[in-house]
Amino acid sequence: MWRALRAELLYFLPWLLGGLGIAAFVVVLLSGLVRFLEDGEGPPSFVITIFPIIAGMVVAFIAQSYRVEERRARLLMAGPLTPRQLAGVTVLLPVCFASLGVLAAVPMVGLATLITGKFEPSTLPIVAGFAGQFWAYAQLGPLAQESSAARRQQRSTAAMTGWAVFVGAILVLTASQFLMNSIYGLLWVAMVAVAAMGVAAALYQRRTDFTR
């Protein structure tokens, strides 16, 4: 499974590097504006530093769409992978891309600090909150795909369960916006992400075909 996950990451690495390159350009551009605009006007620091995190989430969604179009499940199952292992690859791939986006945000925070000449410690918890939100939203892609596949394959109970968890996750993530900087908000987001991963993996293992 881990070799398959590594192969998937390498397959989509050009997309990730391109997204992070665009994010770095935006960070430099906005940091320059903050540096040279007078009276402290310009975008807040946390807005500047979330672009690499957004890039990771976008690439995660691109990877999910390509998996459907290219029928990569059938390609990977031609080897020794089982549906359970492939389900693990499916839900771990968004985690990897979101985590890589968070890691890339660290040097970009340093870059923005060098350009603007100031560092705001209050930026870090805000960025962490957004990272958690994006990580959870990235898990909703596989959940929606597997819920749709269950409906298409006439697995009504599985489809209803998947969509119920999807709607519940959206509601909880929306409510957590009011508690983003608290431990309770982070716990809600973590529970949503874990629940979405678990349900998506369970639905994937019960597929009756892997053609889409």
C-alpha atoms as a PDB file:
ATOM      1  CA  MET A   1       0.000   0.000   0.000  1.00  0.00           C
ATOM      2  CA  TRP A   2       2.786   2.416   0.917  1.00  0.00           C
ATOM      3  CA  ARG A   3       4.524   1.906  -2.406  1.00  0.00           C
ATOM      4  CA  ALA A   4       1.261   2.619  -4.198  1.00  0.00           C
ATOM      5  CA  LEU A   5       0.774   5.772  -2.125  1.00  0.00           C
ATOM      6  CA  ARG A   6       4.305   6.880  -2.938  1.00  0.00           C
ATOM      7  CA  ALA A   7       3.684   6.207  -6.640  1.00  0.00           C
ATOM      8  CA  GLU A   8       0.517   8.311  -6.524  1.00  0.00           C
ATOM      9  CA  LEU A   9       2.347  11.167  -4.812  1.00  0.00           C
ATOM     10  CA  LEU A  10       5.095  11.097  -7.419  1.00  0.00           C
ATOM     11  CA  TYR A  11       2.496  10.976 -10.210  1.00  0.00           C
ATOM     12  CA  PHE A  12       0.873  14.201  -8.999  1.00  0.00           C
ATOM     13  CA  LEU A  13       4.100  15.880  -7.838  1.00  0.00           C
ATOM     14  CA  PRO A  14       4.255  18.234 -10.872  1.00  0.00           C
ATOM     15  CA  TRP A  15       0.774  19.537  -9.986  1.00  0.00           C
ATOM     16  CA  LEU A  16       1.860  20.133  -6.391  1.00  0.00           C
ATOM     17  CA  LEU A  17       5.086  21.895  -7.370  1.00  0.00           C
ATOM     18  CA  GLY A  18       3.185  24.080  -9.813  1.00  0.00           C
ATOM     19  CA  GLY A  19       0.605  24.992  -7.173  1.00  0.00           C
ATOM     20  CA  LEU A  20       3.263  25.787  -4.590  1.00  0.00           C
ATOM     21  CA  GLY A  21       5.145  27.855  -7.168  1.00  0.00           C
ATOM     22  CA  ILE A  22       2.040  29.955  -7.766  1.00  0.00           C
ATOM     23  CA  ALA A  23       1.515  30.223  -4.000  1.00  0.00           C
ATOM     24  CA  ALA A  24       5.104  31.430  -3.515  1.00  0.00           C
ATOM     25  CA  PHE A  25       4.616  34.086  -6.199  1.00  0.00           C
ATOM     26  CA  VAL A  26       1.441  35.321  -4.506  1.00  0.00           C
ATOM     27  CA  VAL A  27       3.144  35.333  -1.090  1.00  0.00           C
ATOM     28  CA  VAL A  28       6.026  37.437  -2.434  1.00  0.00           C
ATOM     29  CA  LEU A  29       3.666  39.796  -4.251  1.00  0.00           C
ATOM     30  CA  LEU A  30       1.353  40.386  -1.296  1.00  0.00           C
ATOM     31  CA  SER A  31       4.256  40.636   1.155  1.00  0.00           C
ATOM     32  CA  GLY A  32       5.775  43.334  -1.062  1.00  0.00           C
ATOM     33  CA  LEU A  33       2.496  45.224  -1.012  1.00  0.00           C
ATOM     34  CA  VAL A  34       2.341  45.002   2.778  1.00  0.00           C
ATOM     35  CA  ARG A  35       5.949  46.197   2.984  1.00  0.00           C
ATOM     36  CA  PHE A  36       5.572  49.254   0.798  1.00  0.00           C
ATOM     37  CA  LEU A  37       2.012  50.345   1.514  1.00  0.00           C
ATOM     38  CA  GLU A  38       1.798  53.076   4.107  1.00  0.00           C
ATOM     39  CA  ASP A  39      -0.234  53.185   7.326  1.00  0.00           C
ATOM     40  CA  GLY A  40      -0.220  49.401   7.667  1.00  0.00           C
ATOM     41  CA  GLU A  41      -2.754  48.917   4.926  1.00  0.00           C
ATOM     42  CA  GLY A  42      -2.818  45.688   2.962  1.00  0.00           C
ATOM     43  CA  PRO A  43      -3.877  42.091   3.503  1.00  0.00           C
ATOM     44  CA  PRO A  44      -3.402  40.562   6.991  1.00  0.00           C
ATOM     45  CA  SER A  45      -0.415  38.263   7.487  1.00  0.00           C
ATOM     46  CA  PHE A  46      -2.518  35.123   7.889  1.00  0.00           C
ATOM     47  CA  VAL A  47      -4.097  35.740   4.473  1.00  0.00           C
ATOM     48  CA  ILE A  48      -0.643  35.749   2.902  1.00  0.00           C
ATOM     49  CA  THR A  49       0.482  32.492   4.505  1.00  0.00           C
ATOM     50  CA  ILE A  50      -2.540  30.278   3.761  1.00  0.00           C
ATOM     51  CA  PHE A  51      -1.902  30.166   0.009  1.00  0.00           C
ATOM     52  CA  PRO A  52       0.399  27.105   0.116  1.00  0.00           C
ATOM     53  CA  ILE A  53      -2.197  25.307   2.254  1.00  0.00           C
ATOM     54  CA  ILE A  54      -4.848  26.126  -0.338  1.00  0.00           C
ATOM     55  CA  ALA A  55      -2.501  24.832  -3.054  1.00  0.00           C
ATOM     56  CA  GLY A  56      -2.191  21.477  -1.285  1.00  0.00           C
ATOM     57  CA  MET A  57      -5.960  21.155  -0.949  1.00  0.00           C
ATOM     58  CA  VAL A  58      -6.551  22.051  -4.605  1.00  0.00           C
ATOM     59  CA  VAL A  59      -4.052  19.414  -5.759  1.00  0.00           C
ATOM     60  CA  ALA A  60      -5.804  16.870  -3.524  1.00  0.00           C
ATOM     61  CA  PHE A  61      -9.073  17.534  -5.366  1.00  0.00           C
ATOM     62  CA  ILE A  62      -7.307  17.393  -8.743  1.00  0.00           C
ATOM     63  CA  ALA A  63      -5.846  14.000  -7.803  1.00  0.00           C
ATOM     64  CA  GLN A  64      -9.299  12.696  -6.908  1.00  0.00           C
ATOM     65  CA  SER A  65     -10.766  13.794 -10.229  1.00  0.00           C
ATOM     66  CA  TYR A  66      -7.906  12.212 -12.175  1.00  0.00           C
ATOM     67  CA  ARG A  67      -8.353   8.934 -10.329  1.00  0.00           C
ATOM     68  CA  VAL A  68     -11.886   8.761 -11.718  1.00  0.00           C
ATOM     69  CA  GLU A  69     -11.047   9.817 -15.257  1.00  0.00           C
ATOM     70  CA  GLU A  70      -8.068   7.500 -15.672  1.00  0.00           C
ATOM     71  CA  ARG A  71      -9.602   4.555 -13.781  1.00  0.00           C
ATOM     72  CA  ARG A  72      -6.473   4.300 -11.717  1.00  0.00           C
ATOM     73  CA  ALA A  73      -8.170   1.922  -9.286  1.00  0.00           C
ATOM     74  CA  ARG A  74      -8.266  -0.797 -11.906  1.00  0.00           C
ATOM     75  CA  LEU A  75      -4.652  -0.102 -12.811  1.00  0.00           C
ATOM     76  CA  LEU A  76      -3.475  -0.364  -9.207  1.00  0.00           C
ATOM     77  CA  MET A  77      -5.581  -3.456  -8.522  1.00  0.00           C
ATOM     78  CA  ALA A  78      -3.836  -5.221 -11.394  1.00  0.00           C
ATOM     79  CA  GLY A  79      -0.985  -5.589  -8.887  1.00  0.00           C
ATOM     80  CA  PRO A  80      -1.108  -7.119  -5.407  1.00  0.00           C
ATOM     81  CA  LEU A  81      -3.299  -4.402  -3.866  1.00  0.00           C
ATOM     82  CA  THR A  82      -6.562  -5.414  -2.183  1.00  0.00           C
ATOM     83  CA  PRO A  83      -9.664  -3.167  -2.067  1.00  0.00           C
ATOM     84  CA  ARG A  84      -8.900  -2.459   1.593  1.00  0.00           C
ATOM     85  CA  GLN A  85      -5.374  -1.284   0.797  1.00  0.00           C
ATOM     86  CA  LEU A  86      -6.617   0.766  -2.132  1.00  0.00           C
ATOM     87  CA  ALA A  87      -9.180   2.370   0.164  1.00  0.00           C
ATOM     88  CA  GLY A  88      -6.295   3.371   2.425  1.00  0.00           C
ATOM     89  CA  VAL A  89      -4.476   4.958  -0.501  1.00  0.00           C
ATOM     90  CA  THR A  90      -7.651   6.819  -1.490  1.00  0.00           C
ATOM     91  CA  VAL A  91      -8.179   8.476   1.898  1.00  0.00           C
ATOM     92  CA  LEU A  92      -4.490   9.013   2.721  1.00  0.00           C
ATOM     93  CA  LEU A  93      -3.672  10.802  -0.533  1.00  0.00           C
ATOM     94  CA  PRO A  94      -5.601  13.997   0.409  1.00  0.00           C
ATOM     95  CA  VAL A  95      -3.980  13.886   3.854  1.00  0.00           C
ATOM     96  CA  CYS A  96      -0.525  13.818   2.260  1.00  0.00           C
ATOM     97  CA  PHE A  97      -1.205  16.709  -0.093  1.00  0.00           C
ATOM     98  CA  ALA A  98      -2.801  18.823   2.641  1.00  0.00           C
ATOM     99  CA  SER A  99       0.123  18.064   4.976  1.00  0.00           C
ATOM    100  CA  LEU A 100       2.670  18.968   2.291  1.00  0.00           C
ATOM    101  CA  GLY A 101       0.859  22.272   1.824  1.00  0.00           C
ATOM    102  CA  VAL A 102       1.130  22.943   5.560  1.00  0.00           C
ATOM    103  CA  LEU A 103       4.848  22.092   5.545  1.00  0.00           C
ATOM    104  CA  ALA A 104       5.399  24.422   2.594  1.00  0.00           C
ATOM    105  CA  ALA A 105       3.652  27.190   4.515  1.00  0.00           C
ATOM    106  CA  VAL A 106       6.424  27.209   7.138  1.00  0.00           C
ATOM    107  CA  PRO A 107       9.234  28.546   4.906  1.00  0.00           C
ATOM    108  CA  MET A 108       6.746  30.869   3.215  1.00  0.00           C
ATOM    109  CA  VAL A 109       5.916  32.372   6.613  1.00  0.00           C
ATOM    110  CA  GLY A 110       9.637  33.011   7.013  1.00  0.00           C
ATOM    111  CA  LEU A 111       9.822  34.493   3.524  1.00  0.00           C
ATOM    112  CA  ALA A 112       6.879  36.797   4.211  1.00  0.00           C
ATOM    113  CA  THR A 113       8.504  37.839   7.498  1.00  0.00           C
ATOM    114  CA  LEU A 114      11.761  38.747   5.741  1.00  0.00           C
ATOM    115  CA  ILE A 115       9.963  40.822   3.119  1.00  0.00           C
ATOM    116  CA  THR A 116       7.521  42.610   5.428  1.00  0.00           C
ATOM    117  CA  GLY A 117      10.055  43.039   8.223  1.00  0.00           C
ATOM    118  CA  LYS A 118       7.622  41.945  10.925  1.00  0.00           C
ATOM    119  CA  PHE A 119       6.302  38.751  12.467  1.00  0.00           C
ATOM    120  CA  GLU A 120       2.903  38.412  14.094  1.00  0.00           C
ATOM    121  CA  PRO A 121       2.745  35.455  16.549  1.00  0.00           C
ATOM    122  CA  SER A 122      -1.059  35.609  16.440  1.00  0.00           C
ATOM    123  CA  THR A 123      -0.834  34.485  12.811  1.00  0.00           C
ATOM    124  CA  LEU A 124       0.263  30.947  13.739  1.00  0.00           C
ATOM    125  CA  PRO A 125      -2.931  29.755  15.517  1.00  0.00           C
ATOM    126  CA  ILE A 126      -5.049  31.305  12.766  1.00  0.00           C
ATOM    127  CA  VAL A 127      -3.063  29.499  10.075  1.00  0.00           C
ATOM    128  CA  ALA A 128      -3.270  26.259  12.098  1.00  0.00           C
ATOM    129  CA  GLY A 129      -7.037  26.642  12.276  1.00  0.00           C
ATOM    130  CA  PHE A 130      -7.312  27.127   8.537  1.00  0.00           C
ATOM    131  CA  ALA A 131      -4.998  24.160   7.953  1.00  0.00           C
ATOM    132  CA  GLY A 132      -7.282  21.945  10.014  1.00  0.00           C
ATOM    133  CA  GLN A 133     -10.324  23.168   8.127  1.00  0.00           C
ATOM    134  CA  PHE A 134      -8.730  22.538   4.730  1.00  0.00           C
ATOM    135  CA  TRP A 135      -7.515  19.104   5.829  1.00  0.00           C
ATOM    136  CA  ALA A 136     -11.063  18.169   6.805  1.00  0.00           C
ATOM    137  CA  TYR A 137     -12.570  19.572   3.600  1.00  0.00           C
ATOM    138  CA  ALA A 138     -10.054  17.585   1.543  1.00  0.00           C
ATOM    139  CA  GLN A 139     -11.522  14.410   3.063  1.00  0.00           C
ATOM    140  CA  LEU A 140     -15.001  15.304   1.845  1.00  0.00           C
ATOM    141  CA  GLY A 141     -13.949  14.691  -1.766  1.00  0.00           C
ATOM    142  CA  PRO A 142     -13.433  10.912  -1.381  1.00  0.00           C
ATOM    143  CA  LEU A 143     -16.562  10.725   0.781  1.00  0.00           C
ATOM    144  CA  ALA A 144     -18.690  12.383  -1.909  1.00  0.00           C
ATOM    145  CA  GLN A 145     -17.175  10.156  -4.607  1.00  0.00           C
ATOM    146  CA  GLU A 146     -17.880   6.965  -2.690  1.00  0.00           C
ATOM    147  CA  SER A 147     -21.397   8.073  -1.744  1.00  0.00           C
ATOM    148  CA  SER A 148     -22.120   8.728  -5.425  1.00  0.00           C
ATOM    149  CA  ALA A 149     -20.611   5.355  -6.388  1.00  0.00           C
ATOM    150  CA  ALA A 150     -22.786   3.609  -3.789  1.00  0.00           C
ATOM    151  CA  ARG A 151     -25.918   5.238  -5.214  1.00  0.00           C
ATOM    152  CA  ARG A 152     -24.869   4.319  -8.772  1.00  0.00           C
ATOM    153  CA  GLN A 153     -24.284   0.721  -7.703  1.00  0.00           C
ATOM    154  CA  GLN A 154     -27.704   0.660  -5.981  1.00  0.00           C
ATOM    155  CA  ARG A 155     -26.301   0.251  -2.485  1.00  0.00           C
ATOM    156  CA  SER A 156     -28.987   2.459  -0.982  1.00  0.00           C
ATOM    157  CA  THR A 157     -28.074   2.120   2.697  1.00  0.00           C
ATOM    158  CA  ALA A 158     -24.412   2.849   2.015  1.00  0.00           C
ATOM    159  CA  ALA A 159     -25.290   5.859  -0.145  1.00  0.00           C
ATOM    160  CA  MET A 160     -27.641   7.297   2.485  1.00  0.00           C
ATOM    161  CA  THR A 161     -25.019   6.799   5.184  1.00  0.00           C
ATOM    162  CA  GLY A 162     -22.327   8.465   3.112  1.00  0.00           C
ATOM    163  CA  TRP A 163     -24.413  11.489   2.212  1.00  0.00           C
ATOM    164  CA  ALA A 164     -25.683  11.831   5.789  1.00  0.00           C
ATOM    165  CA  VAL A 165     -22.096  11.965   7.061  1.00  0.00           C
ATOM    166  CA  PHE A 166     -21.219  14.418   4.278  1.00  0.00           C
ATOM    167  CA  VAL A 167     -24.044  16.810   5.186  1.00  0.00           C
ATOM    168  CA  GLY A 168     -23.301  16.440   8.898  1.00  0.00           C
ATOM    169  CA  ALA A 169     -19.630  17.198   8.253  1.00  0.00           C
ATOM    170  CA  ILE A 170     -20.496  20.392   6.359  1.00  0.00           C
ATOM    171  CA  LEU A 171     -22.731  21.539   9.215  1.00  0.00           C
ATOM    172  CA  VAL A 172     -20.109  20.811  11.867  1.00  0.00           C
ATOM    173  CA  LEU A 173     -17.337  22.521   9.884  1.00  0.00           C
ATOM    174  CA  THR A 174     -19.559  25.564   9.416  1.00  0.00           C
ATOM    175  CA  ALA A 175     -20.314  25.717  13.134  1.00  0.00           C
ATOM    176  CA  SER A 176     -16.631  25.268  13.999  1.00  0.00           C
ATOM    177  CA  GLN A 177     -15.861  28.574  12.262  1.00  0.00           C
ATOM    178  CA  PHE A 178     -17.078  30.291  15.420  1.00  0.00           C
ATOM    179  CA  LEU A 179     -14.613  28.283  17.544  1.00  0.00           C
ATOM    180  CA  MET A 180     -11.669  28.213  15.132  1.00  0.00           C
ATOM    181  CA  ASN A 181      -9.094  29.444  17.659  1.00  0.00           C
ATOM    182  CA  SER A 182     -10.251  27.201  20.510  1.00  0.00           C
ATOM    183  CA  ILE A 183      -9.449  23.598  21.396  1.00  0.00           C
ATOM    184  CA  TYR A 184     -13.115  22.672  20.934  1.00  0.00           C
ATOM    185  CA  GLY A 185     -13.140  23.924  17.361  1.00  0.00           C
ATOM    186  CA  LEU A 186      -9.983  21.935  16.554  1.00  0.00           C
ATOM    187  CA  LEU A 187     -11.479  18.799  18.110  1.00  0.00           C
ATOM    188  CA  TRP A 188     -14.646  19.159  16.029  1.00  0.00           C
ATOM    189  CA  VAL A 189     -12.610  19.547  12.861  1.00  0.00           C
ATOM    190  CA  ALA A 190     -10.441  16.517  13.738  1.00  0.00           C
ATOM    191  CA  MET A 191     -13.522  14.380  14.411  1.00  0.00           C
ATOM    192  CA  VAL A 192     -15.062  15.392  11.090  1.00  0.00           C
ATOM    193  CA  ALA A 193     -11.876  14.509   9.205  1.00  0.00           C
ATOM    194  CA  VAL A 194     -11.515  11.110  10.896  1.00  0.00           C
ATOM    195  CA  ALA A 195     -15.198  10.281  10.407  1.00  0.00           C
ATOM    196  CA  ALA A 196     -15.072  11.236   6.715  1.00  0.00           C
ATOM    197  CA  MET A 197     -11.941   9.127   6.198  1.00  0.00           C
ATOM    198  CA  GLY A 198     -13.433   6.113   7.961  1.00  0.00           C
ATOM    199  CA  VAL A 199     -16.763   6.194   6.133  1.00  0.00           C
ATOM    200  CA  ALA A 200     -15.149   6.815   2.728  1.00  0.00           C
ATOM    201  CA  ALA A 201     -12.761   3.886   3.251  1.00  0.00           C
ATOM    202  CA  ALA A 202     -15.600   1.610   4.366  1.00  0.00           C
ATOM    203  CA  LEU A 203     -17.732   2.538   1.353  1.00  0.00           C
ATOM    204  CA  TYR A 204     -14.791   2.006  -0.993  1.00  0.00           C
ATOM    205  CA  GLN A 205     -14.213  -1.535   0.258  1.00  0.00           C
ATOM    206  CA  ARG A 206     -17.835  -2.409  -0.469  1.00  0.00           C
ATOM    207  CA  ARG A 207     -17.759  -1.289  -4.101  1.00  0.00           C
ATOM    208  CA  THR A 208     -19.185  -3.771  -6.586  1.00  0.00           C
ATOM    209  CA  ASP A 209     -17.054  -2.386  -9.421  1.00  0.00           C
ATOM    210  CA  PHE A 210     -14.082  -0.062  -9.792  1.00  0.00           C
ATOM    211  CA  THR A 211     -14.707   1.257 -13.280  1.00  0.00           C
ATOM    212  CA  ARG A 212     -15.453   4.806 -12.087  1.00  0.00           C
END
